[in-house]
Each structure stands twice: as structure tokens, then as C-alpha cells.
C-alpha atoms as a PDB file:
ATOM      1  CA  UNK A   1     -17.390  13.559  21.570  1.00  0.00           C
ATOM      2  CA  UNK A   2     -14.590  14.029  24.088  1.00  0.00           C
ATOM      3  CA  UNK A   3     -11.281  14.650  22.345  1.00  0.00           C
ATOM      4  CA  UNK A   4      -7.695  14.146  23.459  1.00  0.00           C
ATOM      5  CA  UNK A   5      -5.264  17.025  23.778  1.00  0.00           C
ATOM      6  CA  UNK A   6      -3.041  18.023  20.811  1.00  0.00           C
ATOM      7  CA  UNK A   7       0.213  17.190  22.669  1.00  0.00           C
ATOM      8  CA  UNK A   8      -1.070  13.735  23.639  1.00  0.00           C
ATOM      9  CA  UNK A   9      -2.377  12.999  20.130  1.00  0.00           C
ATOM     10  CA  UNK A  10       0.885  13.939  18.464  1.00  0.00           C
ATOM     11  CA  UNK A  11       3.054  12.206  21.051  1.00  0.00           C
ATOM     12  CA  UNK A  12       1.133   8.913  20.883  1.00  0.00           C
ATOM     13  CA  UNK A  13       0.667   9.098  17.111  1.00  0.00           C
ATOM     14  CA  UNK A  14       4.317   9.766  16.296  1.00  0.00           C
ATOM     15  CA  UNK A  15       5.627   7.214  18.791  1.00  0.00           C
ATOM     16  CA  UNK A  16       3.209   4.625  17.370  1.00  0.00           C
ATOM     17  CA  UNK A  17       4.335   5.555  13.870  1.00  0.00           C
ATOM     18  CA  UNK A  18       7.934   5.020  14.965  1.00  0.00           C
ATOM     19  CA  UNK A  19       7.003   1.553  16.219  1.00  0.00           C
ATOM     20  CA  UNK A  20       5.469   0.665  12.842  1.00  0.00           C
ATOM     21  CA  UNK A  21       8.550   2.124  11.148  1.00  0.00           C
ATOM     22  CA  UNK A  22      10.669  -0.356  13.080  1.00  0.00           C
ATOM     23  CA  UNK A  23       8.615  -3.129  11.524  1.00  0.00           C
ATOM     24  CA  UNK A  24       9.047  -1.405   8.153  1.00  0.00           C
ATOM     25  CA  UNK A  25      12.831  -1.631   8.447  1.00  0.00           C
ATOM     26  CA  UNK A  26      12.722  -5.399   8.972  1.00  0.00           C
ATOM     27  CA  UNK A  27      10.145  -5.930   6.226  1.00  0.00           C
ATOM     28  CA  UNK A  28      12.019  -3.720   3.750  1.00  0.00           C
ATOM     29  CA  UNK A  29      15.292  -5.595   4.293  1.00  0.00           C
ATOM     30  CA  UNK A  30      13.409  -8.864   3.828  1.00  0.00           C
ATOM     31  CA  UNK A  31      11.865  -7.431   0.672  1.00  0.00           C
ATOM     32  CA  UNK A  32      15.316  -6.622  -0.706  1.00  0.00           C
ATOM     33  CA  UNK A  33      16.381 -10.213  -0.132  1.00  0.00           C
ATOM     34  CA  UNK A  34      13.252 -11.534  -1.850  1.00  0.00           C
ATOM     35  CA  UNK A  35      13.602  -9.209  -4.841  1.00  0.00           C
ATOM     36  CA  UNK A  36      17.369  -9.214  -5.313  1.00  0.00           C
ATOM     37  CA  UNK A  37      18.870 -12.188  -3.475  1.00  0.00           C
ATOM     38  CA  UNK A  38      20.271 -14.928  -5.744  1.00  0.00           C
ATOM     39  CA  UNK A  39      18.749 -13.402  -8.867  1.00  0.00           C
ATOM     40  CA  UNK A  40      20.113 -12.233 -12.174  1.00  0.00           C
ATOM     41  CA  UNK A  41      19.305  -8.746 -13.447  1.00  0.00           C
ATOM     42  CA  UNK A  42      16.666 -10.148 -15.791  1.00  0.00           C
ATOM     43  CA  UNK A  43      14.850 -11.836 -12.890  1.00  0.00           C
ATOM     44  CA  UNK A  44      14.630  -8.739 -10.700  1.00  0.00           C
ATOM     45  CA  UNK A  45      11.342  -6.852 -10.609  1.00  0.00           C
ATOM     46  CA  UNK A  46      12.784  -3.353 -10.964  1.00  0.00           C
ATOM     47  CA  UNK A  47       9.405  -1.681 -10.608  1.00  0.00           C
ATOM     48  CA  UNK A  48       8.720  -3.258  -7.202  1.00  0.00           C
ATOM     49  CA  UNK A  49      12.309  -2.660  -6.095  1.00  0.00           C
ATOM     50  CA  UNK A  50      12.135   1.021  -7.066  1.00  0.00           C
ATOM     51  CA  UNK A  51       8.720   1.661  -5.499  1.00  0.00           C
ATOM     52  CA  UNK A  52       9.556  -0.225  -2.296  1.00  0.00           C
ATOM     53  CA  UNK A  53      12.760   1.784  -1.943  1.00  0.00           C
ATOM     54  CA  UNK A  54      10.976   5.060  -2.694  1.00  0.00           C
ATOM     55  CA  UNK A  55       8.328   4.321  -0.071  1.00  0.00           C
ATOM     56  CA  UNK A  56      10.950   3.381   2.501  1.00  0.00           C
ATOM     57  CA  UNK A  57      12.813   6.647   1.884  1.00  0.00           C
ATOM     58  CA  UNK A  58       9.573   8.613   2.202  1.00  0.00           C
ATOM     59  CA  UNK A  59       8.644   6.793   5.427  1.00  0.00           C
ATOM     60  CA  UNK A  60      12.115   7.394   6.861  1.00  0.00           C
ATOM     61  CA  UNK A  61      11.824  11.093   6.052  1.00  0.00           C
ATOM     62  CA  UNK A  62       8.447  11.193   7.803  1.00  0.00           C
ATOM     63  CA  UNK A  63       9.934   9.706  10.965  1.00  0.00           C
ATOM     64  CA  UNK A  64      12.764  12.235  10.856  1.00  0.00           C
ATOM     65  CA  UNK A  65      10.366  15.185  10.659  1.00  0.00           C
ATOM     66  CA  UNK A  66       8.116  13.635  13.315  1.00  0.00           C
ATOM     67  CA  UNK A  67      10.928  13.381  15.842  1.00  0.00           C
ATOM     68  CA  UNK A  68      12.096  16.885  15.056  1.00  0.00           C
ATOM     69  CA  UNK A  69       8.578  18.135  15.857  1.00  0.00           C
ATOM     70  CA  UNK A  70       8.472  16.129  19.099  1.00  0.00           C
ATOM     71  CA  UNK A  71      11.817  17.598  20.177  1.00  0.00           C
ATOM     72  CA  UNK A  72      10.679  21.129  19.344  1.00  0.00           C
ATOM     73  CA  UNK A  73       7.341  20.696  21.136  1.00  0.00           C
ATOM     74  CA  UNK A  74       8.383  18.814  24.277  1.00  0.00           C
ATOM     75  CA  UNK A  75      12.100  19.399  24.830  1.00  0.00           C
ATOM     76  CA  UNK A  76      13.203  22.706  23.319  1.00  0.00           C
ATOM     77  CA  UNK A  77      10.572  24.764  25.165  1.00  0.00           C
ATOM     78  CA  UNK A  78       9.994  22.405  28.082  1.00  0.00           C
ATOM     79  CA  UNK A  79      10.428  25.200  30.643  1.00  0.00           C
ATOM     80  CA  UNK A  80       7.710  27.373  29.089  1.00  0.00           C
ATOM     81  CA  UNK A  81       4.201  26.647  30.482  1.00  0.00           C
ATOM     82  CA  UNK A  82       1.747  25.632  27.768  1.00  0.00           C
ATOM     83  CA  UNK A  83       4.442  25.602  25.075  1.00  0.00           C
ATOM     84  CA  UNK A  84       3.606  22.081  23.870  1.00  0.00           C
ATOM     85  CA  UNK A  85      -0.051  22.998  23.302  1.00  0.00           C
ATOM     86  CA  UNK A  86       0.835  26.266  21.597  1.00  0.00           C
ATOM     87  CA  UNK A  87       3.273  24.470  19.301  1.00  0.00           C
ATOM     88  CA  UNK A  88       0.485  22.486  17.628  1.00  0.00           C
ATOM     89  CA  UNK A  89      -2.084  25.288  17.595  1.00  0.00           C
ATOM     90  CA  UNK A  90      -0.339  28.570  16.866  1.00  0.00           C
ATOM     91  CA  UNK A  91       1.622  27.742  13.715  1.00  0.00           C
ATOM     92  CA  UNK A  92      -0.059  24.946  11.706  1.00  0.00           C
ATOM     93  CA  UNK A  93       1.735  26.136   8.559  1.00  0.00           C
ATOM     94  CA  UNK A  94       5.237  25.503   9.918  1.00  0.00           C
ATOM     95  CA  UNK A  95       7.667  23.796   7.544  1.00  0.00           C
ATOM     96  CA  UNK A  96       7.784  20.497   9.423  1.00  0.00           C
ATOM     97  CA  UNK A  97       3.975  20.230   9.451  1.00  0.00           C
ATOM     98  CA  UNK A  98       3.764  20.899   5.713  1.00  0.00           C
ATOM     99  CA  UNK A  99       6.496  18.333   5.075  1.00  0.00           C
ATOM    100  CA  UNK A 100       4.759  15.580   7.050  1.00  0.00           C
ATOM    101  CA  UNK A 101       1.433  16.267   5.317  1.00  0.00           C
ATOM    102  CA  UNK A 102       3.134  16.137   1.913  1.00  0.00           C
ATOM    103  CA  UNK A 103       4.723  12.811   2.856  1.00  0.00           C
ATOM    104  CA  UNK A 104       1.297  11.387   3.716  1.00  0.00           C
ATOM    105  CA  UNK A 105       0.192  12.310   0.188  1.00  0.00           C
ATOM    106  CA  UNK A 106       3.260  10.813  -1.481  1.00  0.00           C
ATOM    107  CA  UNK A 107       3.090   7.503   0.372  1.00  0.00           C
ATOM    108  CA  UNK A 108      -0.621   7.108  -0.357  1.00  0.00           C
ATOM    109  CA  UNK A 109      -0.012   7.788  -4.052  1.00  0.00           C
ATOM    110  CA  UNK A 110       2.881   5.308  -4.205  1.00  0.00           C
ATOM    111  CA  UNK A 111       0.801   2.622  -2.468  1.00  0.00           C
ATOM    112  CA  UNK A 112      -2.033   3.037  -4.971  1.00  0.00           C
ATOM    113  CA  UNK A 113       0.336   3.164  -7.956  1.00  0.00           C
ATOM    114  CA  UNK A 114       1.779  -0.216  -6.909  1.00  0.00           C
ATOM    115  CA  UNK A 115      -1.725  -1.630  -6.540  1.00  0.00           C
ATOM    116  CA  UNK A 116      -2.771  -0.326  -9.955  1.00  0.00           C
ATOM    117  CA  UNK A 117       0.358  -1.857 -11.484  1.00  0.00           C
ATOM    118  CA  UNK A 118      -0.625  -5.235 -10.019  1.00  0.00           C
ATOM    119  CA  UNK A 119      -4.120  -4.737 -11.408  1.00  0.00           C
ATOM    120  CA  UNK A 120      -2.636  -3.984 -14.845  1.00  0.00           C
ATOM    121  CA  UNK A 121      -0.477  -7.118 -14.853  1.00  0.00           C
ATOM    122  CA  UNK A 122      -3.053  -9.543 -13.512  1.00  0.00           C
ATOM    123  CA  UNK A 123      -5.627  -8.376 -16.058  1.00  0.00           C
ATOM    124  CA  UNK A 124      -3.347  -9.377 -18.895  1.00  0.00           C
ATOM    125  CA  UNK A 125      -1.659  -5.950 -19.130  1.00  0.00           C
ATOM    126  CA  UNK A 126      -4.992  -4.409 -20.042  1.00  0.00           C
ATOM    127  CA  UNK A 127      -4.617  -0.628 -19.942  1.00  0.00           C
ATOM    128  CA  UNK A 128      -8.329   0.060 -19.927  1.00  0.00           C
ATOM    129  CA  UNK A 129      -8.892  -1.629 -16.553  1.00  0.00           C
ATOM    130  CA  UNK A 130      -6.526   0.948 -15.025  1.00  0.00           C
ATOM    131  CA  UNK A 131      -8.205   4.061 -16.404  1.00  0.00           C
ATOM    132  CA  UNK A 132     -10.794   4.637 -13.652  1.00  0.00           C
ATOM    133  CA  UNK A 133      -8.493   4.014 -10.637  1.00  0.00           C
ATOM    134  CA  UNK A 134      -5.765   6.105 -12.268  1.00  0.00           C
ATOM    135  CA  UNK A 135      -8.185   9.018 -12.705  1.00  0.00           C
ATOM    136  CA  UNK A 136      -9.251   8.714  -9.063  1.00  0.00           C
ATOM    137  CA  UNK A 137      -5.615   8.692  -7.900  1.00  0.00           C
ATOM    138  CA  UNK A 138      -4.953  11.820  -9.954  1.00  0.00           C
ATOM    139  CA  UNK A 139      -8.098  13.452  -8.541  1.00  0.00           C
ATOM    140  CA  UNK A 140      -7.343  12.758  -4.899  1.00  0.00           C
ATOM    141  CA  UNK A 141      -3.714  13.820  -5.411  1.00  0.00           C
ATOM    142  CA  UNK A 142      -5.002  17.217  -6.522  1.00  0.00           C
ATOM    143  CA  UNK A 143      -7.391  17.336  -3.550  1.00  0.00           C
ATOM    144  CA  UNK A 144      -4.569  16.423  -1.165  1.00  0.00           C
ATOM    145  CA  UNK A 145      -2.170  19.036  -2.506  1.00  0.00           C
ATOM    146  CA  UNK A 146      -4.866  21.721  -2.457  1.00  0.00           C
ATOM    147  CA  UNK A 147      -5.241  20.935   1.251  1.00  0.00           C
ATOM    148  CA  UNK A 148      -1.490  21.220   1.775  1.00  0.00           C
ATOM    149  CA  UNK A 149      -1.439  24.525  -0.120  1.00  0.00           C
ATOM    150  CA  UNK A 150      -4.287  25.868   2.018  1.00  0.00           C
ATOM    151  CA  UNK A 151      -2.439  24.732   5.125  1.00  0.00           C
ATOM    152  CA  UNK A 152       0.647  26.648   4.026  1.00  0.00           C
ATOM    153  CA  UNK A 153      -1.410  29.862   4.026  1.00  0.00           C
ATOM    154  CA  UNK A 154      -3.183  29.155   7.299  1.00  0.00           C
ATOM    155  CA  UNK A 155      -2.732  31.318  10.377  1.00  0.00           C
ATOM    156  CA  UNK A 156      -5.677  30.162  12.495  1.00  0.00           C
ATOM    157  CA  UNK A 157      -6.982  26.901  13.907  1.00  0.00           C
ATOM    158  CA  UNK A 158      -5.556  23.750  12.271  1.00  0.00           C
ATOM    159  CA  UNK A 159      -9.052  22.248  12.063  1.00  0.00           C
ATOM    160  CA  UNK A 160     -10.321  24.620   9.400  1.00  0.00           C
ATOM    161  CA  UNK A 161     -10.616  24.053   5.664  1.00  0.00           C
ATOM    162  CA  UNK A 162      -7.267  22.288   4.970  1.00  0.00           C
ATOM    163  CA  UNK A 163      -8.162  19.378   7.248  1.00  0.00           C
ATOM    164  CA  UNK A 164     -11.342  18.679   5.312  1.00  0.00           C
ATOM    165  CA  UNK A 165      -9.448  18.643   2.027  1.00  0.00           C
ATOM    166  CA  UNK A 166      -7.057  16.086   3.468  1.00  0.00           C
ATOM    167  CA  UNK A 167      -9.931  13.972   4.808  1.00  0.00           C
ATOM    168  CA  UNK A 168     -11.616  14.020   1.402  1.00  0.00           C
ATOM    169  CA  UNK A 169      -8.394  12.971  -0.336  1.00  0.00           C
ATOM    170  CA  UNK A 170      -7.782  10.124   2.104  1.00  0.00           C
ATOM    171  CA  UNK A 171     -11.378   8.927   1.699  1.00  0.00           C
ATOM    172  CA  UNK A 172     -10.922   8.744  -2.081  1.00  0.00           C
ATOM    173  CA  UNK A 173      -7.654   6.876  -1.560  1.00  0.00           C
ATOM    174  CA  UNK A 174      -9.343   4.328   0.733  1.00  0.00           C
ATOM    175  CA  UNK A 175     -12.129   3.715  -1.797  1.00  0.00           C
ATOM    176  CA  UNK A 176      -9.585   3.273  -4.600  1.00  0.00           C
ATOM    177  CA  UNK A 177      -7.502   0.872  -2.539  1.00  0.00           C
ATOM    178  CA  UNK A 178     -10.491  -1.235  -1.521  1.00  0.00           C
ATOM    179  CA  UNK A 179     -12.036  -1.438  -5.000  1.00  0.00           C
ATOM    180  CA  UNK A 180      -8.762  -2.282  -6.770  1.00  0.00           C
ATOM    181  CA  UNK A 181      -7.972  -4.896  -4.117  1.00  0.00           C
ATOM    182  CA  UNK A 182     -11.328  -6.609  -4.680  1.00  0.00           C
ATOM    183  CA  UNK A 183     -10.845  -6.461  -8.447  1.00  0.00           C
ATOM    184  CA  UNK A 184      -7.421  -8.135  -8.208  1.00  0.00           C
ATOM    185  CA  UNK A 185      -8.623 -10.869  -5.861  1.00  0.00           C
ATOM    186  CA  UNK A 186     -11.684 -11.458  -8.017  1.00  0.00           C
ATOM    187  CA  UNK A 187      -9.529 -11.826 -11.119  1.00  0.00           C
ATOM    188  CA  UNK A 188      -7.335 -14.411  -9.408  1.00  0.00           C
ATOM    189  CA  UNK A 189     -10.389 -16.437  -8.441  1.00  0.00           C
ATOM    190  CA  UNK A 190     -11.894 -16.145 -11.909  1.00  0.00           C
ATOM    191  CA  UNK A 191      -8.742 -17.288 -13.683  1.00  0.00           C
ATOM    192  CA  UNK A 192      -8.452 -20.409 -11.503  1.00  0.00           C
ATOM    193  CA  UNK A 193     -12.112 -21.193 -10.811  1.00  0.00           C
ATOM    194  CA  UNK A 194     -12.037 -24.311 -13.005  1.00  0.00           C
ATOM    195  CA  UNK A 195      -9.100 -25.926 -11.200  1.00  0.00           C
ATOM    196  CA  UNK A 196      -9.866 -29.076  -9.288  1.00  0.00           C
ATOM    197  CA  UNK A 197      -9.410 -28.873  -5.534  1.00  0.00           C
ATOM    198  CA  UNK A 198      -6.032 -30.185  -4.423  1.00  0.00           C
ATOM    199  CA  UNK A 199      -3.936 -28.976  -7.356  1.00  0.00           C
ATOM    200  CA  UNK A 200      -1.026 -26.680  -6.387  1.00  0.00           C
ATOM    201  CA  UNK A 201      -2.215 -23.957  -8.758  1.00  0.00           C
ATOM    202  CA  UNK A 202      -5.524 -23.739  -6.895  1.00  0.00           C
ATOM    203  CA  UNK A 203      -3.886 -23.579  -3.471  1.00  0.00           C
ATOM    204  CA  UNK A 204      -1.360 -20.937  -4.486  1.00  0.00           C
ATOM    205  CA  UNK A 205      -3.841 -18.741  -6.307  1.00  0.00           C
ATOM    206  CA  UNK A 206      -6.249 -18.786  -3.376  1.00  0.00           C
ATOM    207  CA  UNK A 207      -3.358 -17.975  -1.056  1.00  0.00           C
ATOM    208  CA  UNK A 208      -2.439 -15.091  -3.333  1.00  0.00           C
ATOM    209  CA  UNK A 209      -6.001 -13.793  -3.286  1.00  0.00           C
ATOM    210  CA  UNK A 210      -6.128 -13.893   0.512  1.00  0.00           C
ATOM    211  CA  UNK A 211      -2.816 -12.028   0.803  1.00  0.00           C
ATOM    212  CA  UNK A 212      -4.194  -9.223  -1.352  1.00  0.00           C
ATOM    213  CA  UNK A 213      -7.534  -9.088   0.462  1.00  0.00           C
ATOM    214  CA  UNK A 214      -5.998  -9.109   3.945  1.00  0.00           C
ATOM    215  CA  UNK A 215      -3.422  -6.463   3.117  1.00  0.00           C
ATOM    216  CA  UNK A 216      -5.885  -4.228   1.307  1.00  0.00           C
ATOM    217  CA  UNK A 217      -8.389  -4.539   4.147  1.00  0.00           C
ATOM    218  CA  UNK A 218      -5.843  -3.363   6.728  1.00  0.00           C
ATOM    219  CA  UNK A 219      -4.961  -0.169   4.852  1.00  0.00           C
ATOM    220  CA  UNK A 220      -8.528   0.621   3.761  1.00  0.00           C
ATOM    221  CA  UNK A 221      -9.936   0.095   7.272  1.00  0.00           C
ATOM    222  CA  UNK A 222      -7.238   2.261   8.862  1.00  0.00           C
ATOM    223  CA  UNK A 223      -7.820   4.993   6.261  1.00  0.00           C
ATOM    224  CA  UNK A 224     -11.581   4.986   6.897  1.00  0.00           C
ATOM    225  CA  UNK A 225     -11.001   5.440  10.641  1.00  0.00           C
ATOM    226  CA  UNK A 226      -8.834   8.469   9.867  1.00  0.00           C
ATOM    227  CA  UNK A 227     -11.588   9.805   7.600  1.00  0.00           C
ATOM    228  CA  UNK A 228     -14.260   9.300  10.296  1.00  0.00           C
ATOM    229  CA  UNK A 229     -12.317  10.938  13.122  1.00  0.00           C
ATOM    230  CA  UNK A 230     -11.026  13.649  10.800  1.00  0.00           C
ATOM    231  CA  UNK A 231     -14.606  14.459   9.741  1.00  0.00           C
ATOM    232  CA  UNK A 232     -15.499  14.804  13.414  1.00  0.00           C
ATOM    233  CA  UNK A 233     -12.615  17.302  13.732  1.00  0.00           C
ATOM    234  CA  UNK A 234     -10.885  15.404  16.524  1.00  0.00           C
ATOM    235  CA  UNK A 235      -7.193  15.036  17.227  1.00  0.00           C
ATOM    236  CA  UNK A 236      -7.645  11.247  17.069  1.00  0.00           C
ATOM    237  CA  UNK A 237      -7.649  11.584  13.287  1.00  0.00           C
ATOM    238  CA  UNK A 238      -4.232  13.245  13.425  1.00  0.00           C
ATOM    239  CA  UNK A 239      -2.973  10.493  15.728  1.00  0.00           C
ATOM    240  CA  UNK A 240      -4.056   7.787  13.267  1.00  0.00           C
ATOM    241  CA  UNK A 241      -2.665   9.644  10.252  1.00  0.00           C
ATOM    242  CA  UNK A 242       0.862   9.322  11.699  1.00  0.00           C
ATOM    243  CA  UNK A 243       0.365   5.558  11.753  1.00  0.00           C
ATOM    244  CA  UNK A 244      -1.252   5.183   8.352  1.00  0.00           C
ATOM    245  CA  UNK A 245       1.633   6.880   6.557  1.00  0.00           C
ATOM    246  CA  UNK A 246       3.790   3.985   7.751  1.00  0.00           C
ATOM    247  CA  UNK A 247       1.116   1.408   6.897  1.00  0.00           C
ATOM    248  CA  UNK A 248       1.038   2.756   3.340  1.00  0.00           C
ATOM    249  CA  UNK A 249       4.662   1.631   2.996  1.00  0.00           C
ATOM    250  CA  UNK A 250       4.304  -1.569   5.014  1.00  0.00           C
ATOM    251  CA  UNK A 251       1.351  -3.133   3.176  1.00  0.00           C
ATOM    252  CA  UNK A 252       2.762  -3.302  -0.408  1.00  0.00           C
ATOM    253  CA  UNK A 253       6.151  -4.437   0.879  1.00  0.00           C
ATOM    254  CA  UNK A 254       4.786  -7.170   3.102  1.00  0.00           C
ATOM    255  CA  UNK A 255       2.850  -8.625   0.153  1.00  0.00           C
ATOM    256  CA  UNK A 256       6.150  -9.226  -1.648  1.00  0.00           C
ATOM    257  CA  UNK A 257       7.749 -10.704   1.485  1.00  0.00           C
ATOM    258  CA  UNK A 258       4.835 -13.051   2.171  1.00  0.00           C
ATOM    259  CA  UNK A 259       4.987 -14.170  -1.441  1.00  0.00           C
ATOM    260  CA  UNK A 260       8.694 -14.866  -1.129  1.00  0.00           C
ATOM    261  CA  UNK A 261       8.301 -16.806   2.113  1.00  0.00           C
ATOM    262  CA  UNK A 262       5.287 -18.873   1.190  1.00  0.00           C
ATOM    263  CA  UNK A 263       5.305 -19.257  -2.575  1.00  0.00           C
ATOM    264  CA  UNK A 264       8.824 -20.020  -3.770  1.00  0.00           C
ATOM    265  CA  UNK A 265       9.476 -23.738  -3.530  1.00  0.00           C
ATOM    266  CA  UNK A 266       6.367 -25.473  -4.872  1.00  0.00           C
ATOM    267  CA  UNK A 267       6.118 -27.135  -8.237  1.00  0.00           C
ATOM    268  CA  UNK A 268       3.184 -26.453 -10.468  1.00  0.00           C
ATOM    269  CA  UNK A 269       0.941 -29.071 -12.053  1.00  0.00           C
ATOM    270  CA  UNK A 270      -1.295 -27.701 -14.789  1.00  0.00           C
ATOM    271  CA  UNK A 271      -4.964 -27.778 -14.000  1.00  0.00           C
ATOM    272  CA  UNK A 272      -6.550 -30.435 -16.250  1.00  0.00           C
ATOM    273  CA  UNK A 273      -9.904 -28.697 -16.335  1.00  0.00           C
ATOM    274  CA  UNK A 274      -8.553 -25.381 -17.576  1.00  0.00           C
ATOM    275  CA  UNK A 275      -8.773 -26.561 -21.193  1.00  0.00           C
ATOM    276  CA  UNK A 276     -12.538 -26.692 -20.866  1.00  0.00           C
ATOM    277  CA  UNK A 277     -13.008 -23.147 -19.627  1.00  0.00           C
ATOM    278  CA  UNK A 278     -14.046 -20.094 -21.564  1.00  0.00           C
ATOM    279  CA  UNK A 279     -10.440 -18.830 -21.321  1.00  0.00           C
ATOM    280  CA  UNK A 280      -9.491 -21.401 -23.968  1.00  0.00           C
ATOM    281  CA  UNK A 281      -6.445 -22.797 -22.206  1.00  0.00           C
ATOM    282  CA  UNK A 282      -4.893 -25.814 -23.927  1.00  0.00           C
ATOM    283  CA  UNK A 283      -2.329 -28.205 -22.446  1.00  0.00           C
ATOM    284  CA  UNK A 284       0.332 -30.191 -24.264  1.00  0.00           C
ATOM    285  CA  UNK A 285       0.059 -33.586 -22.586  1.00  0.00           C
ATOM    286  CA  UNK A 286       2.792 -35.160 -24.736  1.00  0.00           C
ATOM    287  CA  UNK A 287       5.623 -33.312 -23.075  1.00  0.00           C
ATOM    288  CA  UNK A 288       6.806 -33.395 -19.520  1.00  0.00           C
ATOM    289  CA  UNK A 289       5.802 -30.256 -17.646  1.00  0.00           C
ATOM    290  CA  UNK A 290       8.801 -28.607 -15.968  1.00  0.00           C
ATOM    291  CA  UNK A 291       8.510 -27.151 -12.491  1.00  0.00           C
ATOM    292  CA  UNK A 292       6.878 -23.756 -12.541  1.00  0.00           C
ATOM    293  CA  UNK A 293       7.971 -21.767  -9.504  1.00  0.00           C
ATOM    294  CA  UNK A 294       6.266 -18.595  -8.418  1.00  0.00           C
ATOM    295  CA  UNK A 295       8.356 -15.483  -8.804  1.00  0.00           C
ATOM    296  CA  UNK A 296       8.146 -13.759  -5.407  1.00  0.00           C
ATOM    297  CA  UNK A 297       9.615 -10.544  -6.774  1.00  0.00           C
ATOM    298  CA  UNK A 298       6.561  -9.678  -8.812  1.00  0.00           C
ATOM    299  CA  UNK A 299       4.344 -12.238  -7.021  1.00  0.00           C
ATOM    300  CA  UNK A 300       3.643 -14.098 -10.250  1.00  0.00           C
ATOM    301  CA  UNK A 301       1.796 -17.358 -10.572  1.00  0.00           C
ATOM    302  CA  UNK A 302       3.671 -18.674 -13.571  1.00  0.00           C
ATOM    303  CA  UNK A 303       1.456 -20.500 -16.064  1.00  0.00           C
ATOM    304  CA  UNK A 304       3.981 -20.541 -18.887  1.00  0.00           C
ATOM    305  CA  UNK A 305       3.691 -24.307 -19.175  1.00  0.00           C
ATOM    306  CA  UNK A 306       0.225 -23.741 -20.617  1.00  0.00           C
ATOM    307  CA  UNK A 307      -0.248 -22.757 -24.237  1.00  0.00           C
ATOM    308  CA  UNK A 308      -2.245 -19.538 -23.989  1.00  0.00           C
ATOM    309  CA  UNK A 309      -2.162 -17.715 -27.341  1.00  0.00           C
ATOM    310  CA  UNK A 310      -5.056 -15.401 -26.508  1.00  0.00           C
ATOM    311  CA  UNK A 311      -4.676 -14.998 -22.769  1.00  0.00           C
ATOM    312  CA  UNK A 312      -1.879 -13.498 -20.730  1.00  0.00           C
ATOM    313  CA  UNK A 313      -0.013 -16.412 -19.163  1.00  0.00           C
ATOM    314  CA  UNK A 314       0.711 -14.929 -15.777  1.00  0.00           C
ATOM    315  CA  UNK A 315      -1.302 -14.058 -12.717  1.00  0.00           C
ATOM    316  CA  UNK A 316       0.554 -11.266 -10.987  1.00  0.00           C
ATOM    317  CA  UNK A 317      -0.378 -10.114  -7.537  1.00  0.00           C
END
């Protein structure tokens, strides 16, 4: 397979990552408005606010290091023939390289932690459903950091052992992201499967499921491409990794923004068939049901107007 040159891969990858970062800025500011705007302290989802801010800081740091590396490779030694190629080959354990690889790890971990939190909430705050994905996140974090540690001691070609550790860690992250995404979407469908077509609860829950599936598919597909090209030991994998570190911040944040844009103003009518499901929902028909808006901050389908003594009353995406 014909590969691209290291200078071209890093130039295109880091410029593309900067483009995605520009989108991240807009989406993050929109996320702040959705989470904080016109809300009291008790209504703010502090977990999503903290993780979104942490990811944005990490992504910003990645862009800073990326541009420093571009300046060092293409501007500082521009008058030296072959300097841009030597920059990427001769010192793979330089501080900026280690920092960018560590940031890839951190953003992937944060993205999966947010997804596992959503899994925990939507499954009725069931801790056991989170055990397997949490173990996998811990495992691939160790694999990732072993790769970074090996890279820090490397003096030869950058495509030796450390790259394969990073590829393995990213592959485990992609599998975790895809499986948890499917589990969340499946839970949403299962909890609302008895609703009659046309009720707002059905429409909003299906919309929620599609948001999760679409967003999860984007990250998982991009990660698998990095894994494939990284396994082939091509510089294309490095190019894509500069983009995916920004996608890892963009995907969880854009879920909150899409929820805030599309799911904030509708009223909720309880599904009359829910009382006949195995979830044992019961509805008080003698009282007027108040509007039940969706909380965009935590992306919650609020079912508090239903009496659910044995079942968690919220579907959180």
C-alpha cells in the first residue's frame, strides 16, 4: 500500500483537526447555553458541564501542541533540506509528541466516561450494567499509557511497538463506544415500545435513540479507520488520529446541543398503553397531567407524571 509522507500526513491531519476544533468552539459555546442558560443551580447538569469543559480544555491543549509542532517542523528549520521529514522520524519521543498522544488517551477516556454515565442513568441508575464497559475503559487506558511510556523511551522508527499499543487501545475504545451506544439506544426503544404511534413520548424517544446511534456511529467508524490504517503501519493512521481527538470532544457535546435545540418545547402526553406493559407503569387519569418538558442539559425524557414505584422514571440519553 502506497503511503503518504510524514510531513504531508502531519500537516493535513493537524490542519484538519484545527478545522474540527473550530466547530468544537461553536458547539461548546452552544452547549454552555443549553446547560446553563436560564437555569437555576438545581437544574444544571454539573456532570455534563464539567466533562464538556474538561474535554474542551483537552482539545484546546491538543491544538496548541499541534501548531507548535507544525511551526517547529515547517518554519523554524525551513532553510534546512529534509528538516521536516527528519523532525517526525528522528525524535518520536519529543515532549510535544508525548503530550499529543497523552491527550488522545484523555479525550477518548472522557468520551467513554460520559457515555457510560448515560448508560447508568438510562438503565435506572443500575451500577451492574456499567461494570463491563468500565473494566474495558480501565483496560484500554492501561494499554494506551503503556504505549505512551514505550514511546517516551523510543529512539528509533516511530512505527515500532508503541504504535501497536496505541492501535490496540483505540480499537478497544471503539468497541466500547459502539456497544454502549447500541445498549443505550436499545434501552430507549424498549422503554417506549408500547407507546402508540403519534404520541409525543414516542416521537421524542425515537429521536433520542437516533441521536445516540448517529453520534456513536461517527466516532466508532472514525476510530476503526484509525485502527485499520495504524495496523497497516501507514502515516494515514496518524493523520486520522489528529482528527479523532477532536471528534471525541465534539460527539458528546453535540448530543447535548441537539437535545437542547430539538427537545425543549414539547409537552408530554403519557402513553396510555404503558400501563399494560411488563414495566408496570400506572397512570393517574383523575388528575390533569402537567407539561413534561425534556431537560436538554442531561437529555432526559421526563416521565415524572407517571407513577413508577419500581422503575426509574427518567430516560436519560
